Amino acid sequence: MRLCLIFWLWLIINICKIKSQYIRLSTVNCSELSAIGTSIIQLLDILPSSNWEFSFLTQTLIKSYFLLDDLKGTIIVKNLLDRENLCRLNLCSCLNQCLIKLEINAISDIYSYILSLPILIYDENDNYCYFLNDIYYINITENIQLNTRIILPIAYDPDLPPNNIQSYYLLENNNKEFYFDNQLPPSIIIIEQLDRELKEKYYFDYCAYEGIYEKQRSCCMKIILIITDINDNSAKFQYDQQLPLILNVSELTPINTELIQMKAFDPDYGHNGQIIYTFSKWTLNDKTINQLFYLNSHNGSIILLKQLDYEQRNNYELQIQAIDLGLNAIPTYTTVIIQVKF
């Protein structure tokens, strides 16, 4: 019994001799590109001389990225310290410095320390910038207002400044209709009136530059700007609309003969450029014309329906209307005078 008491007294005295202390060590900087096996610190170099044993107190996932020599206190890189991957795992911040912390238990025969070791994983330019698409389409109407700003897509780079996106450019922008503003967000500004009938599409090589100037890299995408049509043109006949077209037709001309095709053109697109031909209301009021002549509404052909008779009537005035199928279409007129010859 006495020997047992002496042993416990000796144990208490020796435990009291051991110094317990929490020590925050200086921050260690470590590149995210550090090779596996890289030594980042040796704890024996910063602790009092003693017979040390080391072990991790940290039990989080971050411990799996390092190995600890339990006798020398050497901490080495076990897995790649990809900063972007660490931040995705919520092991450090994605928006600023990636600072992680290891806690190590350091025990000797006379010391007992809990060491807090901050490790700053500093960013390297190890990611290339990228756009979400290789081609980006923009549709604008040809009557878009001047000084309209068209916002362009941004590129992505998970690195931190200055290794991430620094600037944007349009390569060889020789189009006088546009001004490129590379201030964020990058945009194209319309500075001259557009006309789809003159130019329907514009092509741009749009690039983002990342990293410091001496080592800049770029990623690019193609921008295709498509000018959509408005109904800003009326149909125009191929013949002079200001003067009537005089057509001499024999009274012996066979029925179903195509006398002439009054073709009109409209440079607009789709329904805005699709033309329908009709006789004007004034012409439709002349019942004889409707009985003698047929106007093809799709191609403007005038076809003879009945035999002509010079003695009965030798002159017919046909006013033809051409109008496109777009909204707010304005009709165009021309006149054909058919003179019957015997």
C-alpha atoms as a PDB file:
ATOM      1  CA  MET A   1       0.000   0.000   0.000  1.00  0.00           C
ATOM      2  CA  ARG A   2       2.828   2.351   0.912  1.00  0.00           C
ATOM      3  CA  LEU A   3       4.645   1.593  -2.346  1.00  0.00           C
ATOM      4  CA  CYS A   4       1.479   2.430  -4.300  1.00  0.00           C
ATOM      5  CA  LEU A   5       1.160   5.805  -2.582  1.00  0.00           C
ATOM      6  CA  ILE A   6       4.817   6.596  -3.291  1.00  0.00           C
ATOM      7  CA  PHE A   7       4.300   5.756  -6.991  1.00  0.00           C
ATOM      8  CA  TRP A   8       1.265   8.023  -7.326  1.00  0.00           C
ATOM      9  CA  LEU A   9       3.103  10.837  -5.550  1.00  0.00           C
ATOM     10  CA  TRP A  10       6.031  10.475  -7.944  1.00  0.00           C
ATOM     11  CA  LEU A  11       3.657  10.502 -10.966  1.00  0.00           C
ATOM     12  CA  ILE A  12       1.873  13.657  -9.779  1.00  0.00           C
ATOM     13  CA  ILE A  13       5.185  15.453  -9.176  1.00  0.00           C
ATOM     14  CA  ASN A  14       6.463  14.578 -12.692  1.00  0.00           C
ATOM     15  CA  ILE A  15       3.211  15.589 -14.380  1.00  0.00           C
ATOM     16  CA  CYS A  16       3.386  18.956 -12.658  1.00  0.00           C
ATOM     17  CA  LYS A  17       6.897  19.430 -14.004  1.00  0.00           C
ATOM     18  CA  ILE A  18       5.628  19.128 -17.610  1.00  0.00           C
ATOM     19  CA  LYS A  19       4.896  22.536 -19.115  1.00  0.00           C
ATOM     20  CA  SER A  20       1.659  22.705 -21.189  1.00  0.00           C
ATOM     21  CA  GLN A  21       1.419  25.633 -23.592  1.00  0.00           C
ATOM     22  CA  TYR A  22      -0.557  26.622 -26.729  1.00  0.00           C
ATOM     23  CA  ILE A  23       1.750  28.180 -29.314  1.00  0.00           C
ATOM     24  CA  ARG A  24       0.708  29.858 -32.544  1.00  0.00           C
ATOM     25  CA  LEU A  25       3.529  29.487 -35.035  1.00  0.00           C
ATOM     26  CA  SER A  26       4.368  31.937 -37.806  1.00  0.00           C
ATOM     27  CA  THR A  27       2.506  31.472 -41.080  1.00  0.00           C
ATOM     28  CA  VAL A  28       4.203  29.204 -43.588  1.00  0.00           C
ATOM     29  CA  ASN A  29       3.817  30.074 -47.278  1.00  0.00           C
ATOM     30  CA  CYS A  30       3.309  27.168 -49.636  1.00  0.00           C
ATOM     31  CA  SER A  31       2.669  27.192 -53.386  1.00  0.00           C
ATOM     32  CA  GLU A  32      -0.356  25.297 -54.643  1.00  0.00           C
ATOM     33  CA  LEU A  33       2.043  23.726 -57.151  1.00  0.00           C
ATOM     34  CA  SER A  34       4.300  22.282 -54.448  1.00  0.00           C
ATOM     35  CA  ALA A  35       5.397  18.796 -55.423  1.00  0.00           C
ATOM     36  CA  ILE A  36       4.358  15.806 -53.350  1.00  0.00           C
ATOM     37  CA  GLY A  37       7.119  15.172 -50.822  1.00  0.00           C
ATOM     38  CA  THR A  38       7.994  18.859 -50.405  1.00  0.00           C
ATOM     39  CA  SER A  39       8.992  19.715 -46.827  1.00  0.00           C
ATOM     40  CA  ILE A  40       7.250  22.838 -45.565  1.00  0.00           C
ATOM     41  CA  ILE A  41       8.558  22.987 -41.975  1.00  0.00           C
ATOM     42  CA  GLN A  42      10.642  21.034 -39.439  1.00  0.00           C
ATOM     43  CA  LEU A  43       9.316  21.583 -35.939  1.00  0.00           C
ATOM     44  CA  LEU A  44      12.525  20.437 -34.226  1.00  0.00           C
ATOM     45  CA  ASP A  45      14.205  23.573 -35.586  1.00  0.00           C
ATOM     46  CA  ILE A  46      11.873  25.907 -33.681  1.00  0.00           C
ATOM     47  CA  LEU A  47      11.360  24.031 -30.406  1.00  0.00           C
ATOM     48  CA  PRO A  48      13.637  23.690 -27.384  1.00  0.00           C
ATOM     49  CA  SER A  49      16.016  20.766 -27.475  1.00  0.00           C
ATOM     50  CA  SER A  50      14.277  17.739 -26.048  1.00  0.00           C
ATOM     51  CA  ASN A  51      13.136  14.239 -26.840  1.00  0.00           C
ATOM     52  CA  TRP A  52      10.022  15.120 -28.844  1.00  0.00           C
ATOM     53  CA  GLU A  53       7.123  13.148 -30.185  1.00  0.00           C
ATOM     54  CA  PHE A  54       4.667  14.708 -32.627  1.00  0.00           C
ATOM     55  CA  SER A  55       1.139  13.868 -33.737  1.00  0.00           C
ATOM     56  CA  PHE A  56      -1.697  15.637 -35.534  1.00  0.00           C
ATOM     57  CA  LEU A  57      -4.536  16.978 -33.419  1.00  0.00           C
ATOM     58  CA  THR A  58      -6.332  18.154 -36.549  1.00  0.00           C
ATOM     59  CA  GLN A  59      -8.968  15.615 -37.561  1.00  0.00           C
ATOM     60  CA  THR A  60     -10.481  17.421 -40.566  1.00  0.00           C
ATOM     61  CA  LEU A  61      -9.982  16.501 -44.220  1.00  0.00           C
ATOM     62  CA  ILE A  62      -7.085  18.951 -44.479  1.00  0.00           C
ATOM     63  CA  LYS A  63      -4.908  16.508 -42.511  1.00  0.00           C
ATOM     64  CA  SER A  64      -4.969  14.137 -45.484  1.00  0.00           C
ATOM     65  CA  TYR A  65      -2.880  16.605 -47.511  1.00  0.00           C
ATOM     66  CA  PHE A  66       0.156  16.352 -45.201  1.00  0.00           C
ATOM     67  CA  LEU A  67       2.429  13.794 -43.556  1.00  0.00           C
ATOM     68  CA  LEU A  68       4.014  14.358 -40.144  1.00  0.00           C
ATOM     69  CA  ASP A  69       7.257  12.701 -39.019  1.00  0.00           C
ATOM     70  CA  ASP A  70       6.436  11.812 -35.419  1.00  0.00           C
ATOM     71  CA  LEU A  71      10.065  12.125 -34.243  1.00  0.00           C
ATOM     72  CA  LYS A  72      11.539  14.983 -36.292  1.00  0.00           C
ATOM     73  CA  GLY A  73       8.338  17.008 -36.668  1.00  0.00           C
ATOM     74  CA  THR A  74       8.876  17.365 -40.389  1.00  0.00           C
ATOM     75  CA  ILE A  75       5.645  18.185 -42.254  1.00  0.00           C
ATOM     76  CA  ILE A  76       5.663  17.275 -45.928  1.00  0.00           C
ATOM     77  CA  VAL A  77       3.116  17.565 -48.744  1.00  0.00           C
ATOM     78  CA  LYS A  78       1.204  14.319 -49.217  1.00  0.00           C
ATOM     79  CA  ASN A  79      -1.373  15.357 -51.859  1.00  0.00           C
ATOM     80  CA  LEU A  80      -1.495  18.164 -54.414  1.00  0.00           C
ATOM     81  CA  LEU A  81      -2.477  21.446 -52.773  1.00  0.00           C
ATOM     82  CA  ASP A  82      -4.695  22.743 -55.571  1.00  0.00           C
ATOM     83  CA  ARG A  83      -6.078  25.999 -54.156  1.00  0.00           C
ATOM     84  CA  GLU A  84      -9.204  25.878 -56.312  1.00  0.00           C
ATOM     85  CA  ASN A  85      -9.963  22.329 -55.210  1.00  0.00           C
ATOM     86  CA  LEU A  86      -9.404  23.234 -51.552  1.00  0.00           C
ATOM     87  CA  CYS A  87     -11.863  26.105 -51.827  1.00  0.00           C
ATOM     88  CA  ARG A  88     -14.446  23.900 -53.576  1.00  0.00           C
ATOM     89  CA  LEU A  89     -14.185  21.549 -50.589  1.00  0.00           C
ATOM     90  CA  ASN A  90     -14.693  24.543 -48.257  1.00  0.00           C
ATOM     91  CA  LEU A  91     -11.287  23.966 -46.711  1.00  0.00           C
ATOM     92  CA  CYS A  92     -10.305  27.562 -47.434  1.00  0.00           C
ATOM     93  CA  SER A  93     -11.688  30.750 -48.975  1.00  0.00           C
ATOM     94  CA  CYS A  94     -12.281  31.002 -52.732  1.00  0.00           C
ATOM     95  CA  LEU A  95     -12.396  34.803 -52.758  1.00  0.00           C
ATOM     96  CA  ASN A  96      -9.166  35.716 -51.012  1.00  0.00           C
ATOM     97  CA  GLN A  97      -6.153  34.054 -49.429  1.00  0.00           C
ATOM     98  CA  CYS A  98      -6.364  30.304 -48.941  1.00  0.00           C
ATOM     99  CA  LEU A  99      -5.309  29.967 -45.307  1.00  0.00           C
ATOM    100  CA  ILE A 100      -5.502  26.590 -43.602  1.00  0.00           C
ATOM    101  CA  LYS A 101      -4.498  25.579 -40.083  1.00  0.00           C
ATOM    102  CA  LEU A 102      -2.904  22.448 -38.674  1.00  0.00           C
ATOM    103  CA  GLU A 103      -2.794  21.647 -34.985  1.00  0.00           C
ATOM    104  CA  ILE A 104       0.050  19.425 -33.780  1.00  0.00           C
ATOM    105  CA  ASN A 105       0.570  17.845 -30.399  1.00  0.00           C
ATOM    106  CA  ALA A 106       4.253  18.101 -29.399  1.00  0.00           C
ATOM    107  CA  ILE A 107       5.236  16.180 -26.251  1.00  0.00           C
ATOM    108  CA  SER A 108       8.590  15.554 -24.627  1.00  0.00           C
ATOM    109  CA  ASP A 109       9.632  14.397 -21.172  1.00  0.00           C
ATOM    110  CA  ILE A 110       9.499  18.004 -19.894  1.00  0.00           C
ATOM    111  CA  TYR A 111       7.328  19.892 -22.408  1.00  0.00           C
ATOM    112  CA  SER A 112       3.815  19.578 -23.758  1.00  0.00           C
ATOM    113  CA  TYR A 113       2.847  21.948 -26.559  1.00  0.00           C
ATOM    114  CA  ILE A 114      -0.164  22.319 -28.800  1.00  0.00           C
ATOM    115  CA  LEU A 115       1.194  23.954 -31.940  1.00  0.00           C
ATOM    116  CA  SER A 116      -1.087  25.913 -34.262  1.00  0.00           C
ATOM    117  CA  LEU A 117       0.490  26.147 -37.710  1.00  0.00           C
ATOM    118  CA  PRO A 118      -1.175  28.484 -40.279  1.00  0.00           C
ATOM    119  CA  ILE A 119      -0.309  27.535 -43.862  1.00  0.00           C
ATOM    120  CA  LEU A 120      -0.966  30.023 -46.653  1.00  0.00           C
ATOM    121  CA  ILE A 121      -1.537  28.238 -49.970  1.00  0.00           C
ATOM    122  CA  TYR A 122      -0.694  30.975 -52.432  1.00  0.00           C
ATOM    123  CA  ASP A 123      -2.240  31.084 -55.873  1.00  0.00           C
ATOM    124  CA  GLU A 124      -0.392  30.214 -59.073  1.00  0.00           C
ATOM    125  CA  ASN A 125      -1.548  30.833 -62.634  1.00  0.00           C
ATOM    126  CA  ASP A 126      -2.383  27.161 -63.120  1.00  0.00           C
ATOM    127  CA  ASN A 127      -5.803  27.575 -64.748  1.00  0.00           C
ATOM    128  CA  TYR A 128      -6.619  28.693 -68.262  1.00  0.00           C
ATOM    129  CA  CYS A 129      -9.468  31.095 -68.809  1.00  0.00           C
ATOM    130  CA  TYR A 130     -12.453  29.887 -70.805  1.00  0.00           C
ATOM    131  CA  PHE A 131     -15.793  30.984 -72.239  1.00  0.00           C
ATOM    132  CA  LEU A 132     -18.913  28.877 -71.818  1.00  0.00           C
ATOM    133  CA  ASN A 133     -19.391  28.750 -75.609  1.00  0.00           C
ATOM    134  CA  ASP A 134     -17.136  28.772 -78.655  1.00  0.00           C
ATOM    135  CA  ILE A 135     -19.642  30.857 -80.629  1.00  0.00           C
ATOM    136  CA  TYR A 136     -21.973  33.513 -79.263  1.00  0.00           C
ATOM    137  CA  TYR A 137     -24.895  34.775 -81.372  1.00  0.00           C
ATOM    138  CA  ILE A 138     -26.422  38.216 -80.941  1.00  0.00           C
ATOM    139  CA  ASN A 139     -29.599  39.287 -82.754  1.00  0.00           C
ATOM    140  CA  ILE A 140     -30.418  42.975 -83.066  1.00  0.00           C
ATOM    141  CA  THR A 141     -32.852  44.842 -85.308  1.00  0.00           C
ATOM    142  CA  GLU A 142     -31.537  47.121 -88.004  1.00  0.00           C
ATOM    143  CA  ASN A 143     -33.375  50.097 -86.498  1.00  0.00           C
ATOM    144  CA  ILE A 144     -31.658  49.763 -83.114  1.00  0.00           C
ATOM    145  CA  GLN A 145     -31.010  53.142 -81.505  1.00  0.00           C
ATOM    146  CA  LEU A 146     -27.560  54.680 -81.668  1.00  0.00           C
ATOM    147  CA  ASN A 147     -25.440  54.394 -78.500  1.00  0.00           C
ATOM    148  CA  THR A 148     -27.207  51.176 -77.532  1.00  0.00           C
ATOM    149  CA  ARG A 149     -24.849  49.063 -75.434  1.00  0.00           C
ATOM    150  CA  ILE A 150     -24.739  45.306 -76.064  1.00  0.00           C
ATOM    151  CA  ILE A 151     -23.261  43.422 -73.113  1.00  0.00           C
ATOM    152  CA  LEU A 152     -20.849  40.644 -74.095  1.00  0.00           C
ATOM    153  CA  PRO A 153     -20.263  37.366 -72.228  1.00  0.00           C
ATOM    154  CA  ILE A 154     -17.465  37.173 -69.690  1.00  0.00           C
ATOM    155  CA  ALA A 155     -14.748  34.551 -69.447  1.00  0.00           C
ATOM    156  CA  TYR A 156     -14.059  32.450 -66.370  1.00  0.00           C
ATOM    157  CA  ASP A 157     -10.817  31.767 -64.501  1.00  0.00           C
ATOM    158  CA  PRO A 158     -10.844  30.441 -60.912  1.00  0.00           C
ATOM    159  CA  ASP A 159      -7.408  31.895 -60.153  1.00  0.00           C
ATOM    160  CA  LEU A 160      -7.012  34.974 -57.963  1.00  0.00           C
ATOM    161  CA  PRO A 161      -5.725  38.377 -59.142  1.00  0.00           C
ATOM    162  CA  PRO A 162      -3.425  38.984 -60.907  1.00  0.00           C
ATOM    163  CA  ASN A 163      -3.615  35.474 -62.355  1.00  0.00           C
ATOM    164  CA  ASN A 164      -7.259  35.728 -63.432  1.00  0.00           C
ATOM    165  CA  ILE A 165      -8.993  37.741 -66.180  1.00  0.00           C
ATOM    166  CA  GLN A 166      -7.380  41.156 -66.641  1.00  0.00           C
ATOM    167  CA  SER A 167      -8.813  42.532 -69.899  1.00  0.00           C
ATOM    168  CA  TYR A 168     -10.969  41.920 -72.981  1.00  0.00           C
ATOM    169  CA  TYR A 169     -10.398  42.821 -76.632  1.00  0.00           C
ATOM    170  CA  LEU A 170     -12.053  42.579 -80.031  1.00  0.00           C
ATOM    171  CA  LEU A 171      -9.376  41.557 -82.508  1.00  0.00           C
ATOM    172  CA  GLU A 172      -9.221  43.601 -85.718  1.00  0.00           C
ATOM    173  CA  ASN A 173     -12.502  45.412 -85.201  1.00  0.00           C
ATOM    174  CA  ASN A 174     -12.632  47.310 -88.489  1.00  0.00           C
ATOM    175  CA  ASN A 175     -16.381  47.879 -88.420  1.00  0.00           C
ATOM    176  CA  LYS A 176     -17.118  51.582 -88.180  1.00  0.00           C
ATOM    177  CA  GLU A 177     -20.646  50.869 -86.913  1.00  0.00           C
ATOM    178  CA  PHE A 178     -19.385  49.644 -83.536  1.00  0.00           C
ATOM    179  CA  TYR A 179     -17.214  50.783 -80.668  1.00  0.00           C
ATOM    180  CA  PHE A 180     -15.790  48.234 -78.231  1.00  0.00           C
ATOM    181  CA  ASP A 181     -15.739  49.191 -74.551  1.00  0.00           C
ATOM    182  CA  ASN A 182     -13.480  46.848 -72.556  1.00  0.00           C
ATOM    183  CA  GLN A 183     -14.545  48.215 -69.188  1.00  0.00           C
ATOM    184  CA  LEU A 184     -16.444  45.659 -67.136  1.00  0.00           C
ATOM    185  CA  PRO A 185     -18.829  44.438 -68.239  1.00  0.00           C
ATOM    186  CA  PRO A 186     -17.314  44.426 -71.767  1.00  0.00           C
ATOM    187  CA  SER A 187     -19.723  45.638 -74.412  1.00  0.00           C
ATOM    188  CA  ILE A 188     -20.251  46.743 -78.010  1.00  0.00           C
ATOM    189  CA  ILE A 189     -21.786  50.179 -78.560  1.00  0.00           C
ATOM    190  CA  ILE A 190     -23.732  51.025 -81.736  1.00  0.00           C
ATOM    191  CA  ILE A 191     -22.319  54.279 -83.107  1.00  0.00           C
ATOM    192  CA  GLU A 192     -23.643  54.228 -86.711  1.00  0.00           C
ATOM    193  CA  GLN A 193     -27.001  53.248 -88.151  1.00  0.00           C
ATOM    194  CA  LEU A 194     -27.272  49.631 -89.277  1.00  0.00           C
ATOM    195  CA  ASP A 195     -28.879  48.453 -92.496  1.00  0.00           C
ATOM    196  CA  ARG A 196     -29.556  44.753 -92.987  1.00  0.00           C
ATOM    197  CA  GLU A 197     -29.871  45.204 -96.731  1.00  0.00           C
ATOM    198  CA  LEU A 198     -26.258  46.461 -96.827  1.00  0.00           C
ATOM    199  CA  LYS A 199     -24.804  43.969 -94.342  1.00  0.00           C
ATOM    200  CA  GLU A 200     -26.652  41.164 -92.598  1.00  0.00           C
ATOM    201  CA  LYS A 201     -23.940  39.678 -90.351  1.00  0.00           C
ATOM    202  CA  TYR A 202     -20.844  40.870 -88.510  1.00  0.00           C
ATOM    203  CA  TYR A 203     -18.120  38.544 -87.244  1.00  0.00           C
ATOM    204  CA  PHE A 204     -15.829  39.303 -84.312  1.00  0.00           C
ATOM    205  CA  ASP A 205     -12.967  37.473 -82.600  1.00  0.00           C
ATOM    206  CA  TYR A 206     -13.467  38.274 -78.930  1.00  0.00           C
ATOM    207  CA  CYS A 207     -10.673  37.441 -76.480  1.00  0.00           C
ATOM    208  CA  ALA A 208     -10.034  37.572 -72.746  1.00  0.00           C
ATOM    209  CA  TYR A 209      -6.503  37.943 -71.367  1.00  0.00           C
ATOM    210  CA  GLU A 210      -5.440  36.536 -67.997  1.00  0.00           C
ATOM    211  CA  GLY A 211      -2.302  36.725 -65.881  1.00  0.00           C
ATOM    212  CA  ILE A 212       0.416  39.338 -65.502  1.00  0.00           C
ATOM    213  CA  TYR A 213       1.407  41.205 -68.664  1.00  0.00           C
ATOM    214  CA  GLU A 214       4.725  39.427 -69.263  1.00  0.00           C
ATOM    215  CA  LYS A 215       3.082  35.998 -69.086  1.00  0.00           C
ATOM    216  CA  GLN A 216      -0.406  36.730 -70.338  1.00  0.00           C
ATOM    217  CA  ARG A 217      -2.510  33.990 -71.866  1.00  0.00           C
ATOM    218  CA  SER A 218      -5.762  34.334 -73.747  1.00  0.00           C
ATOM    219  CA  CYS A 219      -8.970  32.506 -74.531  1.00  0.00           C
ATOM    220  CA  CYS A 220     -11.182  33.517 -77.434  1.00  0.00           C
ATOM    221  CA  MET A 221     -14.629  32.997 -78.839  1.00  0.00           C
ATOM    222  CA  LYS A 222     -16.376  33.920 -82.079  1.00  0.00           C
ATOM    223  CA  ILE A 223     -19.175  36.484 -81.889  1.00  0.00           C
ATOM    224  CA  ILE A 224     -21.703  36.552 -84.726  1.00  0.00           C
ATOM    225  CA  LEU A 225     -23.897  39.644 -84.745  1.00  0.00           C
ATOM    226  CA  ILE A 226     -27.028  39.090 -86.835  1.00  0.00           C
ATOM    227  CA  ILE A 227     -29.008  42.096 -88.040  1.00  0.00           C
ATOM    228  CA  THR A 228     -32.691  41.206 -88.098  1.00  0.00           C
ATOM    229  CA  ASP A 229     -34.963  42.797 -90.638  1.00  0.00           C
ATOM    230  CA  ILE A 230     -37.626  45.430 -90.157  1.00  0.00           C
ATOM    231  CA  ASN A 231     -40.106  46.363 -92.864  1.00  0.00           C
ATOM    232  CA  ASP A 232     -38.228  49.465 -93.947  1.00  0.00           C
ATOM    233  CA  ASN A 233     -38.478  48.926 -97.715  1.00  0.00           C
ATOM    234  CA  SER A 234     -41.436  48.986-100.090  1.00  0.00           C
ATOM    235  CA  ALA A 235     -41.732  46.892-103.217  1.00  0.00           C
ATOM    236  CA  LYS A 236     -40.279  48.410-106.385  1.00  0.00           C
ATOM    237  CA  PHE A 237     -41.276  47.416-109.900  1.00  0.00           C
ATOM    238  CA  GLN A 238     -38.535  46.605-112.361  1.00  0.00           C
ATOM    239  CA  TYR A 239     -40.162  48.987-114.821  1.00  0.00           C
ATOM    240  CA  ASP A 240     -40.245  52.728-114.269  1.00  0.00           C
ATOM    241  CA  GLN A 241     -43.064  53.352-111.816  1.00  0.00           C
ATOM    242  CA  GLN A 242     -43.356  57.020-112.720  1.00  0.00           C
ATOM    243  CA  LEU A 243     -44.430  56.381-116.299  1.00  0.00           C
ATOM    244  CA  PRO A 244     -47.098  53.970-117.572  1.00  0.00           C
ATOM    245  CA  LEU A 245     -45.892  50.943-119.492  1.00  0.00           C
ATOM    246  CA  ILE A 246     -47.538  50.819-122.927  1.00  0.00           C
ATOM    247  CA  LEU A 247     -48.142  47.328-124.288  1.00  0.00           C
ATOM    248  CA  ASN A 248     -49.348  46.747-127.859  1.00  0.00           C
ATOM    249  CA  VAL A 249     -51.406  43.546-128.108  1.00  0.00           C
ATOM    250  CA  SER A 250     -53.014  42.105-131.232  1.00  0.00           C
ATOM    251  CA  GLU A 251     -56.712  41.359-131.043  1.00  0.00           C
ATOM    252  CA  LEU A 252     -55.824  37.928-132.423  1.00  0.00           C
ATOM    253  CA  THR A 253     -53.718  37.032-129.381  1.00  0.00           C
ATOM    254  CA  PRO A 254     -54.760  33.563-128.139  1.00  0.00           C
ATOM    255  CA  ILE A 255     -56.555  33.148-124.832  1.00  0.00           C
ATOM    256  CA  ASN A 256     -54.311  32.197-121.830  1.00  0.00           C
ATOM    257  CA  THR A 257     -51.352  34.059-123.306  1.00  0.00           C
ATOM    258  CA  GLU A 258     -49.081  35.696-120.725  1.00  0.00           C
ATOM    259  CA  LEU A 259     -48.956  39.293-121.899  1.00  0.00           C
ATOM    260  CA  ILE A 260     -46.281  40.491-119.451  1.00  0.00           C
ATOM    261  CA  GLN A 261     -44.904  39.849-115.989  1.00  0.00           C
ATOM    262  CA  MET A 262     -44.878  42.948-113.805  1.00  0.00           C
ATOM    263  CA  LYS A 263     -42.112  41.848-111.443  1.00  0.00           C
ATOM    264  CA  ALA A 264     -41.392  43.831-108.285  1.00  0.00           C
ATOM    265  CA  PHE A 265     -38.566  43.459-105.745  1.00  0.00           C
ATOM    266  CA  ASP A 266     -38.293  44.093-102.023  1.00  0.00           C
ATOM    267  CA  PRO A 267     -34.858  43.649-100.359  1.00  0.00           C
ATOM    268  CA  ASP A 268     -36.392  42.971 -96.947  1.00  0.00           C
ATOM    269  CA  TYR A 269     -36.303  39.491 -95.430  1.00  0.00           C
ATOM    270  CA  GLY A 270     -39.072  36.927 -94.959  1.00  0.00           C
ATOM    271  CA  HIS A 271     -42.635  38.262 -94.949  1.00  0.00           C
ATOM    272  CA  ASN A 272     -41.219  41.786 -95.166  1.00  0.00           C
ATOM    273  CA  GLY A 273     -39.874  40.936 -98.620  1.00  0.00           C
ATOM    274  CA  GLN A 274     -42.654  38.638 -99.845  1.00  0.00           C
ATOM    275  CA  ILE A 275     -44.797  40.479-102.410  1.00  0.00           C
ATOM    276  CA  ILE A 276     -48.458  40.078-103.347  1.00  0.00           C
ATOM    277  CA  TYR A 277     -49.822  41.574-106.600  1.00  0.00           C
ATOM    278  CA  THR A 278     -53.381  42.841-107.035  1.00  0.00           C
ATOM    279  CA  PHE A 279     -55.299  45.212-109.265  1.00  0.00           C
ATOM    280  CA  SER A 280     -55.967  48.524-107.572  1.00  0.00           C
ATOM    281  CA  LYS A 281     -59.482  49.343-106.400  1.00  0.00           C
ATOM    282  CA  TRP A 282     -59.805  51.787-109.276  1.00  0.00           C
ATOM    283  CA  THR A 283     -58.972  49.025-111.779  1.00  0.00           C
ATOM    284  CA  LEU A 284     -61.289  46.521-110.078  1.00  0.00           C
ATOM    285  CA  ASN A 285     -64.166  48.932-110.620  1.00  0.00           C
ATOM    286  CA  ASP A 286     -63.771  48.349-114.364  1.00  0.00           C
ATOM    287  CA  LYS A 287     -65.746  45.124-114.836  1.00  0.00           C
ATOM    288  CA  THR A 288     -64.454  44.593-118.385  1.00  0.00           C
ATOM    289  CA  ILE A 289     -60.834  44.462-117.212  1.00  0.00           C
ATOM    290  CA  ASN A 290     -61.701  41.777-114.649  1.00  0.00           C
ATOM    291  CA  GLN A 291     -63.328  39.692-117.371  1.00  0.00           C
ATOM    292  CA  LEU A 292     -60.468  40.038-119.865  1.00  0.00           C
ATOM    293  CA  PHE A 293     -57.316  39.949-117.725  1.00  0.00           C
ATOM    294  CA  TYR A 294     -56.049  37.814-114.847  1.00  0.00           C
ATOM    295  CA  LEU A 295     -53.260  39.005-112.541  1.00  0.00           C
ATOM    296  CA  ASN A 296     -51.239  36.275-110.831  1.00  0.00           C
ATOM    297  CA  SER A 297     -50.943  37.434-107.221  1.00  0.00           C
ATOM    298  CA  HIS A 298     -47.614  35.637-106.687  1.00  0.00           C
ATOM    299  CA  ASN A 299     -45.531  36.568-109.718  1.00  0.00           C
ATOM    300  CA  GLY A 300     -47.290  39.571-111.285  1.00  0.00           C
ATOM    301  CA  SER A 301     -48.087  37.853-114.607  1.00  0.00           C
ATOM    302  CA  ILE A 302     -50.955  39.334-116.645  1.00  0.00           C
ATOM    303  CA  ILE A 303     -52.807  36.638-118.592  1.00  0.00           C
ATOM    304  CA  LEU A 304     -55.450  37.087-121.285  1.00  0.00           C
ATOM    305  CA  LEU A 305     -58.755  35.428-120.295  1.00  0.00           C
ATOM    306  CA  LYS A 306     -60.991  36.305-123.269  1.00  0.00           C
ATOM    307  CA  GLN A 307     -60.522  37.270-126.877  1.00  0.00           C
ATOM    308  CA  LEU A 308     -59.824  40.960-127.496  1.00  0.00           C
ATOM    309  CA  ASP A 309     -61.921  42.954-129.958  1.00  0.00           C
ATOM    310  CA  TYR A 310     -60.472  46.158-131.372  1.00  0.00           C
ATOM    311  CA  GLU A 311     -63.873  47.437-132.522  1.00  0.00           C
ATOM    312  CA  GLN A 312     -65.387  46.911-129.093  1.00  0.00           C
ATOM    313  CA  ARG A 313     -62.544  48.519-127.091  1.00  0.00           C
ATOM    314  CA  ASN A 314     -58.968  49.284-128.028  1.00  0.00           C
ATOM    315  CA  ASN A 315     -57.465  50.621-124.795  1.00  0.00           C
ATOM    316  CA  TYR A 316     -57.255  49.269-121.250  1.00  0.00           C
ATOM    317  CA  GLU A 317     -55.507  50.918-118.317  1.00  0.00           C
ATOM    318  CA  LEU A 318     -54.459  48.479-115.577  1.00  0.00           C
ATOM    319  CA  GLN A 319     -53.168  49.862-112.298  1.00  0.00           C
ATOM    320  CA  ILE A 320     -51.224  47.174-110.418  1.00  0.00           C
ATOM    321  CA  GLN A 321     -50.491  47.227-106.722  1.00  0.00           C
ATOM    322  CA  ALA A 322     -47.500  45.446-105.155  1.00  0.00           C
ATOM    323  CA  ILE A 323     -47.330  45.152-101.372  1.00  0.00           C
ATOM    324  CA  ASP A 324     -45.238  43.021 -99.024  1.00  0.00           C
ATOM    325  CA  LEU A 325     -46.672  40.896 -96.210  1.00  0.00           C
ATOM    326  CA  GLY A 326     -44.886  42.664 -93.383  1.00  0.00           C
ATOM    327  CA  LEU A 327     -46.407  44.885 -90.726  1.00  0.00           C
ATOM    328  CA  ASN A 328     -47.253  48.455 -91.712  1.00  0.00           C
ATOM    329  CA  ALA A 329     -46.522  47.677 -95.362  1.00  0.00           C
ATOM    330  CA  ILE A 330     -46.843  50.529 -97.858  1.00  0.00           C
ATOM    331  CA  PRO A 331     -48.166  49.570-101.329  1.00  0.00           C
ATOM    332  CA  THR A 332     -46.454  50.533-104.562  1.00  0.00           C
ATOM    333  CA  TYR A 333     -48.314  51.150-107.832  1.00  0.00           C
ATOM    334  CA  THR A 334     -47.508  51.016-111.498  1.00  0.00           C
ATOM    335  CA  THR A 335     -49.707  51.345-114.590  1.00  0.00           C
ATOM    336  CA  VAL A 336     -49.880  49.174-117.693  1.00  0.00           C
ATOM    337  CA  ILE A 337     -51.741  50.516-120.740  1.00  0.00           C
ATOM    338  CA  ILE A 338     -52.788  47.770-123.125  1.00  0.00           C
ATOM    339  CA  GLN A 339     -53.427  49.046-126.639  1.00  0.00           C
ATOM    340  CA  VAL A 340     -55.336  46.611-128.824  1.00  0.00           C
ATOM    341  CA  LYS A 341     -54.158  46.387-132.425  1.00  0.00           C
ATOM    342  CA  PHE A 342     -56.160  44.908-135.282  1.00  0.00           C
END
